[in-house]
Amino acid sequence: MRAISPAAPRASGFTLVEAAVVVAIIGILAGVGIPSMSSWLVGRKAMAATGYYADGFAFARNQAISHNTASRLVLDDHPASGQLQWRVDLCYPSSDDLCDDASTGWSTPTAAAAGDPRGAQGDKSVVRSADGLPSSSAVALVVGPSGANAAYFTALGWVDTRISPQIARITLSPTAGGSVSFTPMAVSLTLAGVASRCDPGVAAPDRRRCPR
């Protein structure tokens, strides 16, 4: 009786067709996943940016209250990111200086405010860089109302309504024509001087709405 030869073992590894299928699947997953991951990362950076501006408003308000004087938050261009960074100044009102937008008595990053009780050793302006903010090519920043670049606080921490226009809201949204998308978000400042993060896309009675 003739012996039956055992079947030849199947060669291990991928065939050319199998490898091509795997490469195609990886390409599809990458095409879907990478844009989604990019949008998620930019969205997280935008959320951190709202915190950056909210912290600026809170710091300016606290400076006014703790020094029992006027303060303001001013937005300036940041050359690297193309976004706006903030600076907080102090001013000591007097009969000759109302500490409004025309006053020359505000502190600067290198000099204390005119009338500071400690003179030249008094508090100077505090600047927080926008280095960590997402680029303006990915996130568009809109300050409202139009033409406003500062918010002024009284010694009680309220917004100084004598000055207009001044910042009421900072909105961050995807740059038009950009490659990423995320839900727009904002920081809103109330007349009481309190800043909060909110959703500019919803209305009352949704608790996420912007207060003004």
N, C-alpha and C. Protein backbone atom coordinates (compact mmCIF):
# COMPACT_ATOMS: atom_id res chain seq x y z
N MET A 1 0.85 -1.19 0.00
CA MET A 1 0.00 0.00 0.00
C MET A 1 0.89 1.24 0.00
N ARG A 2 0.58 2.15 -0.90
CA ARG A 2 1.44 3.33 -1.02
C ARG A 2 1.16 4.31 0.12
N ALA A 3 2.20 4.76 0.72
CA ALA A 3 2.06 5.72 1.83
C ALA A 3 1.63 7.08 1.29
N ILE A 4 0.77 7.71 2.07
CA ILE A 4 0.28 9.04 1.69
C ILE A 4 1.23 10.09 2.23
N SER A 5 1.74 10.88 1.34
CA SER A 5 2.69 11.94 1.75
C SER A 5 1.93 13.04 2.50
N PRO A 6 2.51 13.50 3.60
CA PRO A 6 1.85 14.61 4.33
C PRO A 6 1.81 15.87 3.48
N ALA A 7 0.75 16.66 3.68
CA ALA A 7 0.59 17.89 2.91
C ALA A 7 1.71 18.86 3.23
N ALA A 8 2.16 19.52 2.21
CA ALA A 8 3.23 20.49 2.41
C ALA A 8 2.73 21.62 3.31
N PRO A 9 3.52 22.04 4.30
CA PRO A 9 3.09 23.13 5.20
C PRO A 9 2.89 24.43 4.43
N ARG A 10 1.83 25.20 4.82
CA ARG A 10 1.53 26.47 4.17
C ARG A 10 2.58 27.51 4.57
N ALA A 11 3.05 28.22 3.61
CA ALA A 11 4.07 29.23 3.90
C ALA A 11 3.48 30.29 4.82
N SER A 12 4.25 30.70 5.85
CA SER A 12 3.78 31.71 6.80
C SER A 12 3.95 33.10 6.20
N GLY A 13 3.26 34.11 6.82
CA GLY A 13 3.38 35.48 6.36
C GLY A 13 2.17 35.90 5.54
N PHE A 14 2.20 37.12 5.03
CA PHE A 14 1.11 37.70 4.24
C PHE A 14 1.36 37.51 2.76
N THR A 15 0.27 37.29 2.06
CA THR A 15 0.37 37.32 0.61
C THR A 15 0.35 38.77 0.16
N LEU A 16 0.65 39.03 -1.07
CA LEU A 16 0.67 40.38 -1.60
C LEU A 16 -0.71 41.02 -1.51
N VAL A 17 -1.76 40.22 -1.77
CA VAL A 17 -3.13 40.74 -1.70
C VAL A 17 -3.48 41.12 -0.27
N GLU A 18 -3.13 40.24 0.68
CA GLU A 18 -3.43 40.52 2.09
C GLU A 18 -2.72 41.79 2.55
N ALA A 19 -1.47 41.95 2.17
CA ALA A 19 -0.71 43.14 2.56
C ALA A 19 -1.34 44.40 1.99
N ALA A 20 -1.81 44.30 0.72
CA ALA A 20 -2.43 45.46 0.09
C ALA A 20 -3.72 45.84 0.82
N VAL A 21 -4.50 44.84 1.26
CA VAL A 21 -5.73 45.11 2.00
C VAL A 21 -5.43 45.80 3.32
N VAL A 22 -4.41 45.31 4.03
CA VAL A 22 -4.03 45.91 5.32
C VAL A 22 -3.60 47.36 5.13
N VAL A 23 -2.79 47.61 4.11
CA VAL A 23 -2.33 48.98 3.85
C VAL A 23 -3.51 49.89 3.53
N ALA A 24 -4.47 49.38 2.76
CA ALA A 24 -5.65 50.17 2.40
C ALA A 24 -6.47 50.52 3.64
N ILE A 25 -6.65 49.53 4.55
CA ILE A 25 -7.42 49.76 5.77
C ILE A 25 -6.72 50.81 6.65
N ILE A 26 -5.39 50.68 6.78
CA ILE A 26 -4.64 51.66 7.57
C ILE A 26 -4.79 53.06 6.98
N GLY A 27 -4.74 53.13 5.64
CA GLY A 27 -4.89 54.43 5.00
C GLY A 27 -6.25 55.06 5.27
N ILE A 28 -7.31 54.23 5.23
CA ILE A 28 -8.66 54.73 5.50
C ILE A 28 -8.78 55.21 6.93
N LEU A 29 -8.27 54.40 7.88
CA LEU A 29 -8.34 54.80 9.29
C LEU A 29 -7.56 56.07 9.55
N ALA A 30 -6.40 56.17 8.92
CA ALA A 30 -5.59 57.38 9.11
C ALA A 30 -6.29 58.60 8.53
N GLY A 31 -6.92 58.41 7.35
CA GLY A 31 -7.61 59.52 6.72
C GLY A 31 -8.77 60.03 7.55
N VAL A 32 -9.43 59.12 8.27
CA VAL A 32 -10.56 59.51 9.12
C VAL A 32 -10.09 60.00 10.48
N GLY A 33 -9.10 59.30 11.04
CA GLY A 33 -8.68 59.58 12.42
C GLY A 33 -7.81 60.80 12.60
N ILE A 34 -6.89 61.05 11.69
CA ILE A 34 -5.96 62.16 11.87
C ILE A 34 -6.67 63.51 11.88
N PRO A 35 -7.58 63.80 10.91
CA PRO A 35 -8.31 65.08 11.00
C PRO A 35 -9.12 65.21 12.28
N SER A 36 -9.75 64.11 12.72
CA SER A 36 -10.53 64.16 13.95
C SER A 36 -9.64 64.45 15.15
N MET A 37 -8.48 63.83 15.19
CA MET A 37 -7.54 64.07 16.29
C MET A 37 -7.04 65.51 16.26
N SER A 38 -6.78 66.04 15.07
CA SER A 38 -6.31 67.42 14.95
C SER A 38 -7.37 68.39 15.45
N SER A 39 -8.63 68.15 15.07
CA SER A 39 -9.72 69.01 15.53
C SER A 39 -9.86 68.94 17.04
N TRP A 40 -9.73 67.74 17.59
CA TRP A 40 -9.85 67.56 19.04
C TRP A 40 -8.76 68.33 19.76
N LEU A 41 -7.52 68.23 19.26
CA LEU A 41 -6.40 68.91 19.90
C LEU A 41 -6.57 70.43 19.84
N VAL A 42 -6.98 70.95 18.69
CA VAL A 42 -7.18 72.40 18.56
C VAL A 42 -8.34 72.85 19.45
N GLY A 43 -9.39 72.03 19.53
CA GLY A 43 -10.50 72.35 20.41
C GLY A 43 -10.07 72.44 21.86
N ARG A 44 -9.20 71.52 22.27
CA ARG A 44 -8.69 71.55 23.65
C ARG A 44 -7.85 72.80 23.88
N LYS A 45 -7.06 73.19 22.89
CA LYS A 45 -6.26 74.41 23.03
C LYS A 45 -7.14 75.65 23.08
N ALA A 46 -8.23 75.63 22.31
CA ALA A 46 -9.16 76.76 22.35
C ALA A 46 -9.81 76.85 23.72
N MET A 47 -10.15 75.70 24.32
CA MET A 47 -10.73 75.70 25.66
C MET A 47 -9.73 76.28 26.66
N ALA A 48 -8.46 75.90 26.52
CA ALA A 48 -7.43 76.45 27.41
C ALA A 48 -7.29 77.95 27.20
N ALA A 49 -7.47 78.41 25.96
CA ALA A 49 -7.38 79.84 25.67
C ALA A 49 -8.50 80.62 26.36
N THR A 50 -9.71 80.05 26.42
CA THR A 50 -10.79 80.73 27.13
C THR A 50 -10.42 80.86 28.61
N GLY A 51 -9.75 79.86 29.15
CA GLY A 51 -9.30 79.95 30.53
C GLY A 51 -8.25 81.03 30.71
N TYR A 52 -7.39 81.18 29.72
CA TYR A 52 -6.35 82.22 29.76
C TYR A 52 -6.99 83.61 29.86
N TYR A 53 -8.01 83.87 29.05
CA TYR A 53 -8.67 85.19 29.08
C TYR A 53 -9.52 85.36 30.34
N ALA A 54 -10.20 84.30 30.77
CA ALA A 54 -10.99 84.38 32.00
C ALA A 54 -10.09 84.68 33.19
N ASP A 55 -8.90 84.07 33.22
CA ASP A 55 -7.95 84.34 34.29
C ASP A 55 -7.50 85.80 34.26
N GLY A 56 -7.35 86.35 33.06
CA GLY A 56 -6.95 87.75 32.94
C GLY A 56 -7.99 88.69 33.53
N PHE A 57 -9.26 88.46 33.21
CA PHE A 57 -10.33 89.29 33.77
C PHE A 57 -10.36 89.16 35.30
N ALA A 58 -10.25 87.93 35.79
CA ALA A 58 -10.30 87.71 37.23
C ALA A 58 -9.13 88.38 37.93
N PHE A 59 -7.95 88.32 37.32
CA PHE A 59 -6.77 88.94 37.92
C PHE A 59 -6.93 90.46 37.98
N ALA A 60 -7.43 91.06 36.89
CA ALA A 60 -7.63 92.51 36.86
C ALA A 60 -8.63 92.93 37.93
N ARG A 61 -9.70 92.19 38.07
CA ARG A 61 -10.72 92.51 39.09
C ARG A 61 -10.13 92.39 40.49
N ASN A 62 -9.38 91.33 40.73
CA ASN A 62 -8.77 91.14 42.05
C ASN A 62 -7.75 92.23 42.38
N GLN A 63 -7.02 92.68 41.36
CA GLN A 63 -6.06 93.76 41.57
C GLN A 63 -6.78 95.04 42.01
N ALA A 64 -7.91 95.34 41.37
CA ALA A 64 -8.67 96.54 41.73
C ALA A 64 -9.15 96.46 43.17
N ILE A 65 -9.70 95.31 43.54
CA ILE A 65 -10.24 95.16 44.89
C ILE A 65 -9.14 95.17 45.95
N SER A 66 -8.07 94.42 45.70
CA SER A 66 -7.01 94.30 46.71
C SER A 66 -6.24 95.60 46.90
N HIS A 67 -6.13 96.43 45.84
CA HIS A 67 -5.42 97.71 45.95
C HIS A 67 -6.36 98.88 46.20
N ASN A 68 -7.67 98.59 46.22
CA ASN A 68 -8.69 99.63 46.41
C ASN A 68 -8.49 100.78 45.43
N THR A 69 -8.36 100.42 44.17
CA THR A 69 -8.12 101.42 43.13
C THR A 69 -8.66 100.93 41.80
N ALA A 70 -8.43 101.66 40.74
CA ALA A 70 -8.89 101.25 39.42
C ALA A 70 -7.88 100.31 38.76
N SER A 71 -8.39 99.42 37.94
CA SER A 71 -7.51 98.54 37.16
C SER A 71 -8.12 98.37 35.78
N ARG A 72 -7.33 97.83 34.89
CA ARG A 72 -7.85 97.53 33.56
C ARG A 72 -7.09 96.36 32.97
N LEU A 73 -7.77 95.60 32.12
CA LEU A 73 -7.13 94.55 31.33
C LEU A 73 -7.07 95.05 29.90
N VAL A 74 -5.88 95.02 29.31
CA VAL A 74 -5.67 95.51 27.95
C VAL A 74 -5.18 94.36 27.08
N LEU A 75 -5.73 94.23 25.89
CA LEU A 75 -5.30 93.19 24.94
C LEU A 75 -4.32 93.79 23.94
N ASP A 76 -3.20 93.08 23.73
CA ASP A 76 -2.18 93.49 22.77
C ASP A 76 -1.88 92.34 21.83
N ASP A 77 -1.43 92.66 20.63
CA ASP A 77 -1.05 91.63 19.66
C ASP A 77 0.18 90.86 20.14
N HIS A 78 0.13 89.54 19.97
CA HIS A 78 1.29 88.70 20.25
C HIS A 78 1.87 88.28 18.91
N PRO A 79 3.12 88.67 18.60
CA PRO A 79 3.66 88.45 17.26
C PRO A 79 3.82 86.99 16.86
N ALA A 80 4.07 86.10 17.82
CA ALA A 80 4.34 84.71 17.47
C ALA A 80 3.08 83.94 17.10
N SER A 81 2.05 84.01 17.94
CA SER A 81 0.83 83.23 17.70
C SER A 81 -0.18 83.96 16.82
N GLY A 82 -0.03 85.29 16.72
CA GLY A 82 -1.03 86.07 15.99
C GLY A 82 -2.28 86.31 16.79
N GLN A 83 -2.28 85.89 18.07
CA GLN A 83 -3.43 86.09 18.95
C GLN A 83 -3.21 87.31 19.85
N LEU A 84 -4.11 87.51 20.80
CA LEU A 84 -4.03 88.66 21.69
C LEU A 84 -3.60 88.21 23.08
N GLN A 85 -2.58 88.85 23.62
CA GLN A 85 -2.18 88.58 24.99
C GLN A 85 -2.71 89.70 25.88
N TRP A 86 -2.74 89.46 27.20
CA TRP A 86 -3.30 90.48 28.08
C TRP A 86 -2.28 91.10 29.02
N ARG A 87 -2.61 92.31 29.42
CA ARG A 87 -1.81 93.08 30.38
C ARG A 87 -2.77 93.74 31.37
N VAL A 88 -2.41 93.76 32.64
CA VAL A 88 -3.24 94.38 33.67
C VAL A 88 -2.50 95.57 34.26
N ASP A 89 -3.14 96.76 34.19
CA ASP A 89 -2.58 98.01 34.69
C ASP A 89 -3.35 98.48 35.92
N LEU A 90 -2.70 99.33 36.74
CA LEU A 90 -3.34 99.97 37.88
C LEU A 90 -3.33 101.48 37.71
N CYS A 91 -4.31 102.14 38.34
CA CYS A 91 -4.37 103.60 38.30
C CYS A 91 -5.02 104.09 39.60
N TYR A 92 -4.49 105.17 40.16
CA TYR A 92 -5.01 105.72 41.42
C TYR A 92 -5.76 107.02 41.13
N PRO A 93 -7.10 106.98 41.20
CA PRO A 93 -7.89 108.17 40.85
C PRO A 93 -7.62 109.35 41.79
N SER A 94 -7.73 110.54 41.23
CA SER A 94 -7.59 111.78 42.00
C SER A 94 -8.45 112.84 41.33
N SER A 95 -8.48 114.03 41.93
CA SER A 95 -9.26 115.11 41.33
C SER A 95 -8.72 115.51 39.97
N ASP A 96 -7.45 115.21 39.72
CA ASP A 96 -6.82 115.56 38.45
C ASP A 96 -6.74 114.39 37.48
N ASP A 97 -7.04 113.19 37.95
CA ASP A 97 -6.91 111.99 37.11
C ASP A 97 -8.09 111.07 37.38
N LEU A 98 -8.96 110.91 36.40
CA LEU A 98 -10.15 110.07 36.56
C LEU A 98 -9.89 108.59 36.27
N CYS A 99 -8.67 108.27 35.87
CA CYS A 99 -8.32 106.88 35.54
C CYS A 99 -9.26 106.30 34.48
N ASP A 100 -9.48 107.09 33.43
CA ASP A 100 -10.28 106.60 32.31
C ASP A 100 -9.35 106.22 31.17
N ASP A 101 -9.93 106.02 29.97
CA ASP A 101 -9.10 105.57 28.85
C ASP A 101 -8.16 106.66 28.35
N ALA A 102 -8.38 107.91 28.75
CA ALA A 102 -7.51 109.00 28.33
C ALA A 102 -6.42 109.31 29.36
N SER A 103 -6.46 108.65 30.50
CA SER A 103 -5.52 108.94 31.57
C SER A 103 -4.09 108.52 31.20
N THR A 104 -3.14 109.30 31.68
CA THR A 104 -1.72 108.96 31.48
C THR A 104 -1.11 108.43 32.78
N GLY A 105 -1.95 108.22 33.79
CA GLY A 105 -1.43 107.81 35.08
C GLY A 105 -1.39 106.31 35.31
N TRP A 106 -1.73 105.53 34.32
CA TRP A 106 -1.73 104.08 34.47
C TRP A 106 -0.32 103.54 34.61
N SER A 107 -0.21 102.44 35.34
CA SER A 107 1.08 101.76 35.45
C SER A 107 1.48 101.17 34.11
N THR A 108 2.75 100.83 33.98
CA THR A 108 3.27 100.17 32.79
C THR A 108 4.10 98.98 33.25
N PRO A 109 4.56 98.13 32.33
CA PRO A 109 5.41 97.00 32.76
C PRO A 109 6.73 97.44 33.40
N THR A 110 7.12 98.69 33.23
CA THR A 110 8.40 99.15 33.78
C THR A 110 8.25 100.26 34.82
N ALA A 111 7.05 100.75 35.04
CA ALA A 111 6.86 101.86 35.99
C ALA A 111 5.54 101.71 36.74
N ALA A 112 5.56 102.09 38.03
CA ALA A 112 4.36 102.07 38.84
C ALA A 112 3.42 103.19 38.42
N ALA A 113 2.16 103.09 38.82
CA ALA A 113 1.17 104.11 38.48
C ALA A 113 1.48 105.42 39.18
N ALA A 114 1.12 106.51 38.54
CA ALA A 114 1.24 107.82 39.18
C ALA A 114 0.31 107.82 40.40
N GLY A 115 0.80 108.31 41.53
CA GLY A 115 -0.02 108.34 42.74
C GLY A 115 0.03 107.06 43.54
N ASP A 116 0.82 106.08 43.13
CA ASP A 116 0.95 104.85 43.92
C ASP A 116 1.55 105.21 45.28
N PRO A 117 0.94 104.77 46.39
CA PRO A 117 1.44 105.12 47.72
C PRO A 117 2.90 104.73 47.96
N ARG A 118 3.38 103.73 47.25
CA ARG A 118 4.77 103.30 47.43
C ARG A 118 5.72 103.94 46.43
N GLY A 119 5.21 104.87 45.68
CA GLY A 119 6.06 105.59 44.73
C GLY A 119 6.61 104.67 43.65
N ALA A 120 7.88 104.87 43.32
CA ALA A 120 8.51 104.08 42.26
C ALA A 120 8.60 102.60 42.60
N GLN A 121 8.46 102.25 43.87
CA GLN A 121 8.51 100.85 44.28
C GLN A 121 7.15 100.18 44.23
N GLY A 122 6.15 100.90 43.74
CA GLY A 122 4.80 100.35 43.68
C GLY A 122 4.65 99.27 42.62
N ASP A 123 3.42 98.76 42.51
CA ASP A 123 3.15 97.66 41.59
C ASP A 123 3.17 98.12 40.13
N LYS A 124 3.87 97.37 39.33
CA LYS A 124 3.92 97.63 37.89
C LYS A 124 2.88 96.75 37.18
N SER A 125 2.68 97.02 35.92
CA SER A 125 1.71 96.23 35.14
C SER A 125 2.18 94.79 35.01
N VAL A 126 1.22 93.89 34.96
CA VAL A 126 1.52 92.47 34.82
C VAL A 126 1.13 92.02 33.42
N VAL A 127 2.06 91.38 32.72
CA VAL A 127 1.82 90.91 31.35
C VAL A 127 1.85 89.39 31.34
N ARG A 128 0.87 88.77 30.68
CA ARG A 128 0.85 87.32 30.49
C ARG A 128 0.92 87.03 28.99
N SER A 129 1.99 86.38 28.58
CA SER A 129 2.21 86.12 27.16
C SER A 129 1.20 85.12 26.61
N ALA A 130 0.93 85.24 25.31
CA ALA A 130 0.02 84.32 24.62
C ALA A 130 0.79 83.23 23.89
N ASP A 131 1.98 82.90 24.37
CA ASP A 131 2.80 81.88 23.71
C ASP A 131 2.08 80.55 23.57
N GLY A 132 1.30 80.16 24.57
CA GLY A 132 0.67 78.85 24.56
C GLY A 132 -0.64 78.78 23.81
N LEU A 133 -1.10 79.90 23.27
CA LEU A 133 -2.39 79.90 22.57
C LEU A 133 -2.25 79.30 21.17
N PRO A 134 -3.32 78.67 20.66
CA PRO A 134 -3.27 78.13 19.29
C PRO A 134 -3.10 79.25 18.28
N SER A 135 -2.48 78.93 17.16
CA SER A 135 -2.22 79.93 16.13
C SER A 135 -3.51 80.50 15.55
N SER A 136 -3.44 81.73 15.10
CA SER A 136 -4.60 82.37 14.48
C SER A 136 -4.97 81.70 13.17
N SER A 137 -4.09 80.86 12.62
CA SER A 137 -4.43 80.13 11.40
C SER A 137 -5.43 79.00 11.68
N ALA A 138 -5.57 78.63 12.96
CA ALA A 138 -6.50 77.56 13.34
C ALA A 138 -7.68 78.07 14.16
N VAL A 139 -7.43 79.09 14.98
CA VAL A 139 -8.48 79.62 15.86
C VAL A 139 -8.64 81.11 15.63
N ALA A 140 -9.86 81.52 15.30
CA ALA A 140 -10.17 82.93 15.10
C ALA A 140 -10.70 83.52 16.40
N LEU A 141 -10.17 84.67 16.77
CA LEU A 141 -10.57 85.33 18.02
C LEU A 141 -11.28 86.63 17.69
N VAL A 142 -12.47 86.81 18.25
CA VAL A 142 -13.26 88.02 18.01
C VAL A 142 -13.57 88.68 19.35
N VAL A 143 -13.22 89.96 19.47
CA VAL A 143 -13.50 90.72 20.69
C VAL A 143 -14.73 91.59 20.45
N GLY A 144 -15.68 91.52 21.35
CA GLY A 144 -16.89 92.33 21.21
C GLY A 144 -17.11 93.21 22.43
N PRO A 145 -17.66 94.40 22.20
CA PRO A 145 -18.10 94.93 20.91
C PRO A 145 -16.94 95.38 20.05
N SER A 146 -17.23 95.65 18.79
CA SER A 146 -16.19 96.06 17.85
C SER A 146 -15.47 97.32 18.34
N GLY A 147 -14.17 97.30 18.23
CA GLY A 147 -13.37 98.46 18.62
C GLY A 147 -12.87 98.42 20.05
N ALA A 148 -13.35 97.47 20.85
CA ALA A 148 -12.92 97.38 22.24
C ALA A 148 -11.62 96.59 22.35
N ASN A 149 -10.72 97.06 23.20
CA ASN A 149 -9.48 96.31 23.44
C ASN A 149 -9.11 96.29 24.92
N ALA A 150 -10.02 96.77 25.79
CA ALA A 150 -9.72 96.80 27.22
C ALA A 150 -11.01 96.70 28.03
N ALA A 151 -10.86 96.28 29.29
CA ALA A 151 -11.96 96.27 30.24
C ALA A 151 -11.48 96.99 31.50
N TYR A 152 -12.29 97.91 32.01
CA TYR A 152 -11.92 98.75 33.15
C TYR A 152 -12.72 98.36 34.38
N PHE A 153 -12.05 98.32 35.54
CA PHE A 153 -12.69 97.91 36.79
C PHE A 153 -12.56 98.99 37.84
N THR A 154 -13.63 99.16 38.63
CA THR A 154 -13.60 100.10 39.75
C THR A 154 -12.99 99.41 40.97
N ALA A 155 -12.78 100.17 42.02
CA ALA A 155 -12.20 99.61 43.25
C ALA A 155 -13.09 98.56 43.89
N LEU A 156 -14.38 98.55 43.53
CA LEU A 156 -15.30 97.54 44.05
C LEU A 156 -15.32 96.28 43.18
N GLY A 157 -14.58 96.30 42.07
CA GLY A 157 -14.54 95.14 41.19
C GLY A 157 -15.58 95.14 40.10
N TRP A 158 -16.38 96.21 40.01
CA TRP A 158 -17.39 96.31 38.96
C TRP A 158 -16.76 96.91 37.70
N VAL A 159 -17.40 96.63 36.56
CA VAL A 159 -16.94 97.25 35.31
C VAL A 159 -17.26 98.74 35.37
N ASP A 160 -16.30 99.57 34.99
CA ASP A 160 -16.47 101.02 34.99
C ASP A 160 -17.26 101.43 33.75
N THR A 161 -18.53 101.71 33.93
CA THR A 161 -19.43 101.97 32.80
C THR A 161 -19.25 103.36 32.19
N ARG A 162 -18.37 104.18 32.76
CA ARG A 162 -18.11 105.50 32.17
C ARG A 162 -17.37 105.38 30.84
N ILE A 163 -16.71 104.25 30.64
CA ILE A 163 -15.82 104.08 29.50
C ILE A 163 -16.48 103.18 28.46
N SER A 164 -16.44 103.61 27.21
CA SER A 164 -17.05 102.84 26.13
C SER A 164 -16.30 103.11 24.82
N PRO A 165 -16.11 102.07 23.97
CA PRO A 165 -16.50 100.68 24.22
C PRO A 165 -15.46 99.97 25.07
N GLN A 166 -15.85 98.93 25.73
CA GLN A 166 -14.91 98.06 26.41
C GLN A 166 -15.36 96.62 26.30
N ILE A 167 -14.45 95.70 26.53
CA ILE A 167 -14.68 94.29 26.24
C ILE A 167 -15.86 93.72 27.04
N ALA A 168 -16.76 93.07 26.35
CA ALA A 168 -17.86 92.36 26.98
C ALA A 168 -17.77 90.86 26.71
N ARG A 169 -17.13 90.49 25.59
CA ARG A 169 -17.03 89.07 25.26
C ARG A 169 -15.84 88.82 24.34
N ILE A 170 -15.20 87.68 24.53
CA ILE A 170 -14.14 87.21 23.64
C ILE A 170 -14.58 85.84 23.13
N THR A 171 -14.74 85.72 21.82
CA THR A 171 -15.23 84.48 21.21
C THR A 171 -14.12 83.82 20.40
N LEU A 172 -13.98 82.51 20.56
CA LEU A 172 -13.01 81.72 19.82
C LEU A 172 -13.75 80.71 18.97
N SER A 173 -13.42 80.64 17.69
CA SER A 173 -14.09 79.73 16.77
C SER A 173 -13.09 79.28 15.70
N PRO A 174 -13.43 78.22 14.95
CA PRO A 174 -12.52 77.76 13.90
C PRO A 174 -12.29 78.86 12.85
N THR A 175 -11.07 78.99 12.40
CA THR A 175 -10.75 79.97 11.36
C THR A 175 -11.44 79.58 10.05
N ALA A 176 -12.06 80.54 9.42
CA ALA A 176 -12.75 80.27 8.16
C ALA A 176 -11.79 79.70 7.13
N GLY A 177 -12.18 78.60 6.52
CA GLY A 177 -11.33 77.97 5.52
C GLY A 177 -10.24 77.09 6.11
N GLY A 178 -10.21 76.96 7.44
CA GLY A 178 -9.19 76.15 8.08
C GLY A 178 -9.49 74.66 7.95
N SER A 179 -8.54 73.84 8.38
CA SER A 179 -8.67 72.39 8.23
C SER A 179 -9.25 71.71 9.46
N VAL A 180 -9.52 72.46 10.52
CA VAL A 180 -10.06 71.85 11.73
C VAL A 180 -11.39 72.49 12.08
N SER A 181 -12.18 71.77 12.86
CA SER A 181 -13.47 72.29 13.30
C SER A 181 -13.68 71.92 14.76
N PHE A 182 -14.33 72.81 15.51
CA PHE A 182 -14.69 72.55 16.90
C PHE A 182 -15.82 73.49 17.25
N THR A 183 -16.47 73.24 18.35
CA THR A 183 -17.60 74.06 18.77
C THR A 183 -17.10 75.41 19.28
N PRO A 184 -17.58 76.53 18.72
CA PRO A 184 -17.15 77.84 19.20
C PRO A 184 -17.41 77.99 20.70
N MET A 185 -16.56 78.76 21.36
CA MET A 185 -16.68 78.99 22.80
C MET A 185 -16.31 80.44 23.09
N ALA A 186 -16.70 80.92 24.26
CA ALA A 186 -16.49 82.34 24.56
C ALA A 186 -16.25 82.57 26.04
N VAL A 187 -15.71 83.76 26.34
CA VAL A 187 -15.61 84.26 27.71
C VAL A 187 -16.41 85.55 27.75
N SER A 188 -17.34 85.64 28.68
CA SER A 188 -18.20 86.80 28.79
C SER A 188 -17.96 87.51 30.11
N LEU A 189 -17.97 88.84 30.08
CA LEU A 189 -17.74 89.66 31.28
C LEU A 189 -19.02 90.40 31.63
N THR A 190 -19.51 90.21 32.85
CA THR A 190 -20.73 90.89 33.29
C THR A 190 -20.38 92.27 33.85
N LEU A 191 -21.40 93.10 34.05
CA LEU A 191 -21.19 94.42 34.62
C LEU A 191 -20.66 94.33 36.05
N ALA A 192 -20.90 93.21 36.72
CA ALA A 192 -20.38 93.01 38.07
C ALA A 192 -18.90 92.65 38.05
N GLY A 193 -18.33 92.55 36.85
CA GLY A 193 -16.90 92.27 36.73
C GLY A 193 -16.54 90.80 36.77
N VAL A 194 -17.53 89.94 36.69
CA VAL A 194 -17.30 88.50 36.78
C VAL A 194 -17.22 87.90 35.38
N ALA A 195 -16.16 87.17 35.10
CA ALA A 195 -15.97 86.53 33.80
C ALA A 195 -16.35 85.06 33.89
N SER A 196 -16.99 84.55 32.85
CA SER A 196 -17.35 83.14 32.81
C SER A 196 -17.25 82.62 31.40
N ARG A 197 -16.92 81.34 31.28
CA ARG A 197 -16.88 80.70 29.97
C ARG A 197 -18.29 80.27 29.59
N CYS A 198 -18.63 80.41 28.32
CA CYS A 198 -20.00 80.15 27.89
C CYS A 198 -20.02 79.69 26.44
N ASP A 199 -21.20 79.26 25.99
CA ASP A 199 -21.40 78.78 24.63
C ASP A 199 -22.16 79.85 23.84
N PRO A 200 -21.52 80.52 22.88
CA PRO A 200 -22.20 81.58 22.14
C PRO A 200 -23.28 81.07 21.20
N GLY A 201 -23.38 79.77 21.05
CA GLY A 201 -24.35 79.22 20.12
C GLY A 201 -25.68 78.84 20.73
N VAL A 202 -25.84 79.02 22.04
CA VAL A 202 -27.11 78.65 22.68
C VAL A 202 -27.75 79.88 23.31
N ALA A 203 -29.04 79.80 23.55
CA ALA A 203 -29.79 80.92 24.12
C ALA A 203 -30.50 80.47 25.38
N ALA A 204 -31.10 81.42 26.09
CA ALA A 204 -31.87 81.11 27.30
C ALA A 204 -32.99 80.13 26.94
N PRO A 205 -33.33 79.21 27.83
CA PRO A 205 -32.88 79.09 29.21
C PRO A 205 -31.68 78.16 29.41
N ASP A 206 -30.95 77.83 28.37
CA ASP A 206 -29.79 76.94 28.47
C ASP A 206 -28.75 77.60 29.39
N ARG A 207 -28.30 76.87 30.38
CA ARG A 207 -27.36 77.40 31.37
C ARG A 207 -25.98 77.67 30.78
N ARG A 208 -25.70 77.11 29.61
CA ARG A 208 -24.39 77.33 28.98
C ARG A 208 -24.34 78.64 28.21
N ARG A 209 -25.44 79.36 28.11
CA ARG A 209 -25.50 80.57 27.30
C ARG A 209 -24.58 81.65 27.86
N CYS A 210 -24.20 82.58 26.99
CA CYS A 210 -23.40 83.72 27.43
C CYS A 210 -24.33 84.76 28.06
N PRO A 211 -23.98 85.31 29.21
CA PRO A 211 -24.89 86.19 29.93
C PRO A 211 -25.17 87.51 29.25
N ARG A 212 -24.29 87.97 28.36
CA ARG A 212 -24.55 89.25 27.68
C ARG A 212 -23.83 89.28 26.35
